[in-house]
Amino acid sequence: MAYVLVTLLFGPIRSLARKLERQQIVQRYERRVAAFPPAAGLSLSLLSLVLLELSKIAVLLSYRFAGLPGAVATMFCAKAGIGYFAHVTWRAARPKVIAAYPWAARADAWVGAQLVQLRGFRDRWLGYLHHRAWYPGAVAALARLRQYATGVARWIKDKLTTAFDSATRKEG
């Protein structure tokens, strides 16, 4: 269930994807995959999906050996790393694969329809949360917590800088 929730919540994290798309290594990878013949592009796309599915085993193993925090960290890493790799691979290979294989076009349309339904569910759920009486208070509390954490981090940085400066003056 947590894996599905993380998948649904990754929709809003588009700024990271846009930043990665501007990286030369990602652009070079996309150009290379786009130059592959349709069968090779499809094979690479399927391989990336297999890796993404295998990452679910890593999530289960990390839960068993590292508990919930380890499983959540593994989920985010898998979705951000392998999931992004699978997305970029399919986006690059998709035009040739769909043109060459009509069944791939039907499968792609079906997956797209399922994603639209999932996004609709996510949007309805977020709309439900936004209209709850406690939501503005929770958002404000999280904002205050974030400000407090920033202040604590700044205070720790200042203390460490002061300690480092005094230690280097004593040595010099």
Protein backbone atom coordinates (compact mmCIF):
# COMPACT_ATOMS: atom_id res chain seq x y z
CA MET A 1 0.00 0.00 0.00
CA ALA A 2 2.82 2.40 0.87
CA TYR A 3 4.43 1.71 -2.52
CA VAL A 4 1.22 2.72 -4.30
CA LEU A 5 0.92 5.87 -2.16
CA VAL A 6 4.50 6.87 -2.94
CA THR A 7 3.77 6.28 -6.63
CA LEU A 8 0.70 8.51 -6.43
CA LEU A 9 2.56 11.23 -4.55
CA PHE A 10 5.43 11.32 -7.07
CA GLY A 11 3.19 13.20 -9.50
CA PRO A 12 3.82 16.57 -7.80
CA ILE A 13 7.60 16.12 -7.90
CA ARG A 14 8.00 17.44 -11.40
CA SER A 15 10.64 20.05 -10.63
CA LEU A 16 13.24 17.33 -10.03
CA ALA A 17 12.36 15.68 -13.34
CA ARG A 18 12.61 19.00 -15.19
CA LYS A 19 16.00 19.64 -13.61
CA LEU A 20 17.25 16.19 -14.58
CA GLU A 21 15.96 16.59 -18.16
CA ARG A 22 18.37 19.51 -18.63
CA GLN A 23 21.38 17.38 -17.69
CA GLN A 24 23.61 16.48 -20.63
CA ILE A 25 23.96 12.85 -19.62
CA VAL A 26 20.18 12.36 -19.63
CA GLN A 27 19.80 14.13 -22.97
CA ARG A 28 22.60 12.04 -24.47
CA TYR A 29 20.98 8.84 -23.14
CA GLU A 30 17.61 9.82 -24.64
CA ARG A 31 19.18 10.53 -28.04
CA ARG A 32 20.94 7.16 -28.03
CA VAL A 33 17.79 5.26 -27.06
CA ALA A 34 15.77 7.16 -29.67
CA ALA A 35 18.28 6.06 -32.32
CA PHE A 36 17.79 2.36 -31.51
CA PRO A 37 15.62 0.22 -33.76
CA PRO A 38 12.09 -0.40 -32.40
CA ALA A 39 12.83 -3.90 -31.10
CA ALA A 40 15.91 -2.74 -29.17
CA GLY A 41 14.06 0.26 -27.75
CA LEU A 42 11.20 -1.97 -26.64
CA SER A 43 13.61 -4.45 -25.09
CA LEU A 44 15.43 -1.74 -23.16
CA SER A 45 12.11 -0.29 -21.98
CA LEU A 46 10.93 -3.69 -20.79
CA LEU A 47 14.26 -4.28 -19.04
CA SER A 48 13.93 -0.98 -17.19
CA LEU A 49 10.40 -1.95 -16.11
CA VAL A 50 11.69 -5.31 -14.88
CA LEU A 51 14.31 -3.47 -12.81
CA LEU A 52 11.58 -1.26 -11.38
CA GLU A 53 9.52 -4.30 -10.42
CA LEU A 54 12.57 -5.96 -8.85
CA SER A 55 13.08 -2.84 -6.76
CA LYS A 56 9.91 -3.85 -4.91
CA ILE A 57 11.82 -6.86 -3.60
CA ALA A 58 14.51 -4.47 -2.36
CA VAL A 59 11.80 -2.51 -0.54
CA LEU A 60 10.55 -5.68 1.16
CA LEU A 61 14.08 -6.73 2.11
CA SER A 62 14.91 -3.31 3.47
CA TYR A 63 11.71 -3.41 5.53
CA ARG A 64 12.73 -6.77 6.93
CA PHE A 65 16.28 -5.71 7.82
CA ALA A 66 16.05 -1.93 8.33
CA GLY A 67 12.44 -1.42 9.36
CA LEU A 68 9.99 1.14 8.07
CA PRO A 69 12.48 4.03 7.69
CA GLY A 70 14.74 1.84 5.53
CA ALA A 71 11.82 0.68 3.41
CA VAL A 72 10.59 4.24 2.86
CA ALA A 73 14.09 5.40 1.92
CA THR A 74 14.45 2.48 -0.49
CA MET A 75 11.05 3.26 -2.00
CA PHE A 76 11.96 6.87 -2.66
CA CYS A 77 15.34 5.90 -4.12
CA ALA A 78 13.81 3.24 -6.34
CA LYS A 79 11.04 5.52 -7.59
CA ALA A 80 13.38 8.45 -8.13
CA GLY A 81 16.23 6.46 -9.67
CA ILE A 82 14.96 3.37 -11.45
CA GLY A 83 11.51 4.87 -12.04
CA TYR A 84 12.99 7.93 -13.71
CA PHE A 85 15.29 5.68 -15.79
CA ALA A 86 12.28 3.63 -16.95
CA HIS A 87 10.30 6.78 -17.75
CA VAL A 88 13.11 8.35 -19.79
CA THR A 89 13.78 5.09 -21.62
CA TRP A 90 10.14 4.65 -22.65
CA ARG A 91 9.75 8.31 -23.58
CA ALA A 92 12.74 8.02 -25.95
CA ALA A 93 11.80 4.63 -27.43
CA ARG A 94 8.02 5.19 -27.57
CA PRO A 95 7.60 6.87 -31.00
CA LYS A 96 9.41 4.13 -32.94
CA VAL A 97 7.94 1.29 -30.87
CA ILE A 98 4.36 2.52 -31.30
CA ALA A 99 4.87 3.08 -35.02
CA ALA A 100 6.28 -0.43 -35.47
CA TYR A 101 3.99 -2.44 -33.18
CA PRO A 102 0.23 -1.75 -33.10
CA TRP A 103 -0.19 -3.88 -29.95
CA ALA A 104 2.33 -1.60 -28.18
CA ALA A 105 0.18 1.40 -29.11
CA ARG A 106 -2.89 -0.29 -27.58
CA ALA A 107 -0.94 -1.24 -24.43
CA ASP A 108 0.41 2.31 -24.15
CA ALA A 109 -3.10 3.75 -24.48
CA TRP A 110 -4.40 1.36 -21.80
CA VAL A 111 -1.57 2.27 -19.39
CA GLY A 112 -2.22 5.95 -20.08
CA ALA A 113 -5.90 5.50 -19.22
CA GLN A 114 -4.98 3.74 -15.96
CA LEU A 115 -2.60 6.56 -15.05
CA VAL A 116 -5.34 9.11 -15.71
CA GLN A 117 -7.61 7.20 -13.31
CA LEU A 118 -4.86 7.06 -10.65
CA ARG A 119 -4.17 10.76 -11.01
CA GLY A 120 -7.90 11.45 -10.74
CA PHE A 121 -8.02 9.42 -7.53
CA ARG A 122 -5.00 11.33 -6.19
CA ASP A 123 -6.55 14.68 -7.11
CA ARG A 124 -9.90 13.78 -5.51
CA TRP A 125 -8.10 12.59 -2.37
CA LEU A 126 -6.03 15.79 -2.18
CA GLY A 127 -9.19 17.85 -2.77
CA TYR A 128 -10.87 16.00 0.09
CA LEU A 129 -7.89 16.78 2.36
CA HIS A 130 -7.79 20.43 1.33
CA HIS A 131 -11.42 20.89 2.35
CA ARG A 132 -11.01 19.46 5.85
CA ALA A 133 -11.21 21.94 8.72
CA TRP A 134 -7.87 20.85 10.16
CA TYR A 135 -5.92 21.17 6.89
CA PRO A 136 -4.92 24.88 7.15
CA GLY A 137 -3.71 24.31 10.71
CA ALA A 138 -1.68 21.27 9.67
CA VAL A 139 -0.08 23.19 6.81
CA ALA A 140 0.75 26.09 9.15
CA ALA A 141 2.21 23.69 11.73
CA LEU A 142 4.40 22.05 9.10
CA ALA A 143 5.55 25.47 7.88
CA ARG A 144 6.46 26.46 11.47
CA LEU A 145 8.25 23.14 11.95
CA ARG A 146 10.22 23.74 8.78
CA GLN A 147 11.17 27.25 9.93
CA TYR A 148 12.19 25.87 13.31
CA ALA A 149 14.30 23.14 11.69
CA THR A 150 15.96 25.75 9.47
CA GLY A 151 16.74 27.86 12.52
CA VAL A 152 18.18 24.89 14.38
CA ALA A 153 20.31 23.94 11.38
CA ARG A 154 21.56 27.53 11.10
CA TRP A 155 22.36 27.59 14.85
CA ILE A 156 24.29 24.28 14.56
CA LYS A 157 26.18 25.59 11.53
CA ASP A 158 27.11 28.79 13.39
CA LYS A 159 28.30 26.82 16.45
CA LEU A 160 30.36 24.47 14.30
CA THR A 161 31.86 27.39 12.38
CA THR A 162 32.75 29.16 15.63
CA ALA A 163 34.29 25.99 17.08
CA PHE A 164 36.24 25.34 13.89
CA ASP A 165 37.52 28.93 13.77
CA SER A 166 38.63 28.86 17.40
CA ALA A 167 40.33 25.48 16.92
CA THR A 168 42.24 26.70 13.86
CA ARG A 169 43.32 29.91 15.67
CA LYS A 170 44.72 27.87 18.57
CA GLU A 171 46.72 25.69 16.19
CA GLY A 172 48.06 28.66 14.18
